[in-house]
Amino acid sequence: MTHPGSHAFDDGLTLETLGDGRYRGRTSAPYNNMVGPFGGLTAATLVRAVELHPDRLGDPVTLTVNFAGPIAEGEFEISTRAVRTNRSNQHWYLELSQNGTVATTATAVFGTRRTTWDALESSPPAMPDPADVDTVDFPEFIAWANNYEMRFTAGALTETESADSVATLWVRDSPPRPMDFASLTSMSDIFYPRVFQRRGKYVAAGTISLTVHFFATAEDLTAQSDGYVLGTAHARRFHQGYFDQTAELWSTSGTLLATGHQVVYYKD
């Protein structure tokens, strides 16, 4: 249920605590995809489930979500289990199920961070100011995209085949919402399947496995607030029904917040 003044993203993350590491949620119509819910919201909901657990240590370091089967509209249950807790990190196993059938599995590592030697070997692509880039609209049947303001400089969805799969854009929640780890998780999946760009058309495709590596600290996200995130993604190979997809998410100030990696099924 949407409450006055609330954000659709937070409504979609709503979980009821059932006890013993179990939570009940419900799919969110504003975040529907072509088939089933937007995978980014599903991944974010799994992060939120761990965040709600009373035994949780620290913040997300990495998350891998395996989409084992379709998630139907309606209620679902998430079970969480800390399989090992070390001094600075904690390993989790999660399952999302409906009517006793597992639809999604995930592993996550949460942990605390400390000051160490620091180096950055990657750099964000050169981009004009967000105000100088037009927004792009997606078709109505891709409902989740309406919850993001996207300003592409490369890789906007067209009906023309492309020689590469690179997408680069400014993106933020619509309406703007201060970033947290759940929204960063969801945003890592805003890049539509790279095969659409290469082929210049919609084809049957879906993410099978999504991994997010988090570099942002809570302080980084506070500094980012509701500003634009710079996102870029590309594929390396399309082969016999599967392709990879790699993404980077950068803060407005040029801090690498997260990287995303996917394996996607396609049929063309």
Protein backbone atom coordinates (compact mmCIF):
# COMPACT_ATOMS: atom_id res chain seq x y z
CA MET A 1 0.00 0.00 0.00
CA THR A 2 1.29 3.47 -0.86
CA HIS A 3 1.10 5.99 1.97
CA PRO A 4 0.85 9.76 1.43
CA GLY A 5 4.30 11.29 1.29
CA SER A 6 6.07 7.94 0.99
CA HIS A 7 8.34 6.91 -1.88
CA ALA A 8 7.33 4.03 -4.16
CA PHE A 9 10.76 2.47 -3.66
CA ASP A 10 10.35 2.34 0.11
CA ASP A 11 6.84 0.95 -0.30
CA GLY A 12 8.27 -1.80 -2.50
CA LEU A 13 10.83 -2.69 0.18
CA THR A 14 8.27 -3.08 2.96
CA LEU A 15 8.83 -6.31 4.88
CA GLU A 16 6.93 -7.85 7.77
CA THR A 17 9.07 -9.60 10.36
CA LEU A 18 7.90 -13.17 10.92
CA GLY A 19 10.63 -14.22 13.33
CA ASP A 20 13.55 -16.64 13.06
CA GLY A 21 15.12 -14.63 10.22
CA ARG A 22 12.01 -14.75 8.04
CA TYR A 23 10.22 -11.82 6.42
CA ARG A 24 7.09 -11.40 4.33
CA GLY A 25 6.96 -8.98 1.41
CA ARG A 26 4.81 -8.27 -1.61
CA THR A 27 5.59 -7.45 -5.23
CA SER A 28 5.19 -3.80 -6.21
CA ALA A 29 3.24 -2.85 -9.35
CA PRO A 30 5.26 0.37 -9.94
CA TYR A 31 8.36 -1.83 -10.27
CA ASN A 32 6.94 -4.41 -12.67
CA ASN A 33 9.14 -5.46 -15.57
CA MET A 34 8.12 -7.01 -18.88
CA VAL A 35 7.79 -10.32 -17.04
CA GLY A 36 7.62 -10.31 -13.25
CA PRO A 37 9.16 -7.70 -10.94
CA PHE A 38 12.24 -5.58 -11.68
CA GLY A 39 15.28 -7.59 -10.60
CA GLY A 40 16.91 -4.56 -9.03
CA LEU A 41 14.05 -4.18 -6.56
CA THR A 42 14.19 -7.90 -5.74
CA ALA A 43 17.93 -7.62 -5.03
CA ALA A 44 17.36 -4.49 -2.94
CA THR A 45 14.67 -6.28 -0.92
CA LEU A 46 17.14 -9.05 -0.10
CA VAL A 47 19.63 -6.47 1.13
CA ARG A 48 16.91 -4.87 3.23
CA ALA A 49 16.04 -8.26 4.77
CA VAL A 50 19.61 -8.67 6.04
CA GLU A 51 19.66 -5.05 7.24
CA LEU A 52 16.56 -5.80 9.33
CA HIS A 53 18.08 -8.89 10.95
CA PRO A 54 19.04 -8.22 14.59
CA ASP A 55 22.34 -10.12 14.19
CA ARG A 56 23.53 -8.18 11.13
CA LEU A 57 27.14 -6.98 11.22
CA GLY A 58 28.10 -3.86 9.27
CA ASP A 59 27.07 -2.91 5.75
CA PRO A 60 26.96 -4.73 2.39
CA VAL A 61 30.28 -5.69 0.82
CA THR A 62 29.01 -8.00 -1.92
CA LEU A 63 25.73 -9.58 -3.00
CA THR A 64 25.01 -12.33 -5.52
CA VAL A 65 21.42 -13.01 -6.54
CA ASN A 66 20.42 -16.04 -8.62
CA PHE A 67 17.01 -15.73 -10.24
CA ALA A 68 15.98 -19.38 -10.20
CA GLY A 69 12.43 -18.94 -11.45
CA PRO A 70 9.67 -16.39 -12.03
CA ILE A 71 8.28 -14.36 -9.16
CA ALA A 72 4.49 -14.12 -9.42
CA GLU A 73 2.52 -11.06 -8.41
CA GLY A 74 1.61 -11.17 -4.74
CA GLU A 75 3.19 -12.12 -1.44
CA PHE A 76 6.54 -13.81 -0.99
CA GLU A 77 8.68 -14.91 1.94
CA ILE A 78 12.38 -14.31 2.48
CA SER A 79 14.45 -16.50 4.78
CA THR A 80 17.84 -15.23 5.96
CA ARG A 81 20.61 -17.15 7.69
CA ALA A 82 24.02 -15.99 8.82
CA VAL A 83 26.19 -18.98 7.96
CA ARG A 84 29.37 -17.55 9.51
CA THR A 85 30.39 -14.43 11.40
CA ASN A 86 34.04 -13.40 11.56
CA ARG A 87 35.64 -10.41 13.27
CA SER A 88 35.04 -8.01 10.38
CA ASN A 89 32.69 -9.78 7.96
CA GLN A 90 29.57 -11.89 7.98
CA HIS A 91 28.31 -14.37 5.38
CA TRP A 92 24.62 -14.78 4.62
CA TYR A 93 22.41 -17.18 2.69
CA LEU A 94 18.95 -16.06 1.58
CA GLU A 95 15.97 -17.60 -0.21
CA LEU A 96 12.88 -15.92 -1.64
CA SER A 97 9.97 -18.33 -2.01
CA GLN A 98 6.30 -18.33 -2.95
CA ASN A 99 3.87 -21.06 -1.94
CA GLY A 100 6.77 -23.23 -0.79
CA THR A 101 8.68 -22.95 -4.10
CA VAL A 102 12.06 -21.19 -4.20
CA ALA A 103 12.14 -18.43 -6.83
CA THR A 104 15.40 -16.68 -5.90
CA THR A 105 18.51 -17.54 -3.93
CA ALA A 106 21.26 -15.20 -2.80
CA THR A 107 24.47 -14.97 -0.87
CA ALA A 108 25.71 -11.80 0.74
CA VAL A 109 28.71 -10.60 2.66
CA PHE A 110 28.28 -7.76 5.14
CA GLY A 111 31.13 -6.29 7.08
CA THR A 112 32.84 -3.39 8.77
CA ARG A 113 35.43 -1.25 7.01
CA ARG A 114 38.66 0.23 8.28
CA THR A 115 41.18 2.75 7.06
CA THR A 116 43.78 1.15 4.75
CA TRP A 117 45.98 1.99 1.80
CA ASP A 118 43.70 3.16 -1.00
CA ALA A 119 44.08 3.27 -4.79
CA LEU A 120 41.70 3.64 -7.74
CA GLU A 121 42.64 2.19 -11.14
CA SER A 122 39.36 2.97 -12.89
CA SER A 123 37.97 6.36 -13.85
CA PRO A 124 34.50 7.60 -14.77
CA PRO A 125 33.71 8.41 -18.39
CA ALA A 126 33.68 12.10 -19.35
CA MET A 127 30.14 13.43 -19.13
CA PRO A 128 28.40 16.76 -19.63
CA ASP A 129 26.41 18.23 -16.77
CA PRO A 130 23.13 16.36 -16.19
CA ALA A 131 21.16 19.52 -16.99
CA ASP A 132 22.71 19.46 -20.48
CA VAL A 133 21.48 15.92 -21.25
CA ASP A 134 17.87 15.17 -22.18
CA THR A 135 15.82 12.66 -20.22
CA VAL A 136 14.75 9.43 -21.94
CA ASP A 137 11.37 7.76 -21.58
CA PHE A 138 10.81 4.01 -21.68
CA PRO A 139 7.68 2.22 -22.94
CA GLU A 140 4.80 2.02 -20.47
CA PHE A 141 5.06 -1.78 -20.19
CA ILE A 142 8.50 -1.35 -18.56
CA ALA A 143 6.91 0.16 -15.45
CA TRP A 144 10.01 0.17 -13.23
CA ALA A 145 11.85 2.59 -15.53
CA ASN A 146 9.33 5.31 -14.70
CA ASN A 147 10.81 5.37 -11.18
CA TYR A 148 14.16 6.60 -12.50
CA GLU A 149 15.21 9.80 -14.21
CA MET A 150 17.65 8.66 -16.90
CA ARG A 151 19.76 10.94 -19.10
CA PHE A 152 21.71 8.91 -21.69
CA THR A 153 24.75 10.12 -23.61
CA ALA A 154 25.24 6.62 -25.09
CA GLY A 155 23.10 3.53 -25.30
CA ALA A 156 19.59 4.97 -25.20
CA LEU A 157 17.13 2.34 -26.44
CA THR A 158 16.46 2.70 -30.17
CA GLU A 159 15.25 0.53 -33.07
CA THR A 160 18.67 0.63 -34.74
CA GLU A 161 21.35 -2.05 -34.35
CA SER A 162 24.47 -0.83 -32.55
CA ALA A 163 28.10 -1.73 -33.14
CA ASP A 164 28.74 -1.87 -29.39
CA SER A 165 26.88 -2.41 -26.15
CA VAL A 166 28.15 0.58 -24.16
CA ALA A 167 25.54 2.56 -22.24
CA THR A 168 26.41 5.72 -20.30
CA LEU A 169 23.95 7.89 -18.41
CA TRP A 170 23.13 10.07 -15.46
CA VAL A 171 20.46 8.47 -13.28
CA ARG A 172 18.62 9.10 -10.03
CA ASP A 173 15.39 8.03 -8.38
CA SER A 174 12.24 9.78 -9.57
CA PRO A 175 11.15 11.58 -7.49
CA PRO A 176 14.63 12.10 -6.00
CA ARG A 177 15.37 10.03 -2.90
CA PRO A 178 18.49 10.05 -0.67
CA MET A 179 20.63 7.06 -1.56
CA ASP A 180 21.10 4.10 0.76
CA PHE A 181 22.48 0.61 0.21
CA ALA A 182 19.13 -0.74 -0.97
CA SER A 183 18.71 1.94 -3.64
CA LEU A 184 22.33 1.54 -4.74
CA THR A 185 21.66 -2.18 -5.16
CA SER A 186 18.57 -1.55 -7.25
CA MET A 187 20.31 1.07 -9.38
CA SER A 188 23.00 -1.44 -10.35
CA ASP A 189 20.34 -3.21 -12.43
CA ILE A 190 18.89 -0.22 -14.32
CA PHE A 191 20.82 -1.10 -17.48
CA TYR A 192 18.40 -2.86 -19.82
CA PRO A 193 19.80 -6.06 -21.43
CA ARG A 194 22.73 -5.18 -23.67
CA VAL A 195 21.38 -7.46 -26.39
CA PHE A 196 18.51 -4.99 -26.94
CA GLN A 197 21.06 -2.33 -27.83
CA ARG A 198 23.11 -4.54 -30.12
CA ARG A 199 20.08 -5.92 -31.98
CA GLY A 200 18.07 -2.70 -31.96
CA LYS A 201 14.95 -4.50 -30.78
CA TYR A 202 13.38 -6.30 -27.85
CA VAL A 203 14.24 -9.99 -27.62
CA ALA A 204 13.46 -12.57 -24.97
CA ALA A 205 16.07 -11.98 -22.27
CA GLY A 206 16.40 -12.14 -18.51
CA THR A 207 19.08 -11.92 -15.86
CA ILE A 208 20.03 -15.27 -14.35
CA SER A 209 22.67 -14.10 -11.91
CA LEU A 210 23.48 -10.62 -10.61
CA THR A 211 26.45 -9.69 -8.43
CA VAL A 212 27.03 -6.28 -6.87
CA HIS A 213 30.31 -5.27 -5.23
CA PHE A 214 29.87 -2.33 -2.87
CA PHE A 215 32.70 0.18 -2.43
CA ALA A 216 30.54 2.95 -0.97
CA THR A 217 30.51 3.57 2.75
CA ALA A 218 27.54 4.97 4.63
CA GLU A 219 29.38 8.30 4.63
CA ASP A 220 29.73 8.17 0.83
CA LEU A 221 25.99 7.63 0.48
CA THR A 222 25.20 10.48 2.85
CA ALA A 223 27.39 12.76 0.77
CA GLN A 224 25.73 11.54 -2.44
CA SER A 225 22.25 12.21 -1.01
CA ASP A 226 19.72 12.39 -3.88
CA GLY A 227 22.18 13.59 -6.53
CA TYR A 228 22.72 12.05 -9.95
CA VAL A 229 24.72 8.84 -10.25
CA LEU A 230 26.91 8.26 -13.31
CA GLY A 231 26.34 4.78 -14.68
CA THR A 232 28.08 2.91 -17.45
CA ALA A 233 27.71 -0.68 -18.66
CA HIS A 234 28.83 -2.97 -21.45
CA ALA A 235 28.93 -6.63 -22.49
CA ARG A 236 31.96 -8.67 -23.55
CA ARG A 237 30.46 -11.56 -25.50
CA PHE A 238 27.08 -12.79 -26.71
CA HIS A 239 27.31 -16.55 -27.22
CA GLN A 240 24.87 -19.45 -27.52
CA GLY A 241 22.08 -17.89 -25.52
CA TYR A 242 24.03 -16.12 -22.78
CA PHE A 243 25.93 -12.87 -22.41
CA ASP A 244 27.69 -11.00 -19.63
CA GLN A 245 27.05 -7.43 -18.54
CA THR A 246 29.38 -5.29 -16.43
CA ALA A 247 28.46 -1.94 -14.87
CA GLU A 248 30.00 0.84 -12.80
CA LEU A 249 28.16 3.38 -10.66
CA TRP A 250 29.94 6.63 -9.78
CA SER A 251 28.91 9.38 -7.41
CA THR A 252 28.37 12.97 -8.52
CA SER A 253 31.81 13.79 -7.11
CA GLY A 254 33.55 10.94 -8.98
CA THR A 255 33.68 8.28 -6.26
CA LEU A 256 33.22 4.67 -7.40
CA LEU A 257 30.20 3.50 -5.42
CA ALA A 258 29.64 -0.02 -6.80
CA THR A 259 30.24 -2.38 -9.68
CA GLY A 260 27.72 -4.83 -11.07
CA HIS A 261 28.16 -8.07 -13.00
CA GLN A 262 25.45 -10.14 -14.65
CA VAL A 263 24.91 -13.27 -16.70
CA VAL A 264 21.85 -12.87 -18.92
CA TYR A 265 19.88 -15.44 -20.90
CA TYR A 266 18.63 -14.42 -24.32
CA LYS A 267 16.82 -15.99 -27.28
CA ASP A 268 16.94 -14.33 -30.69
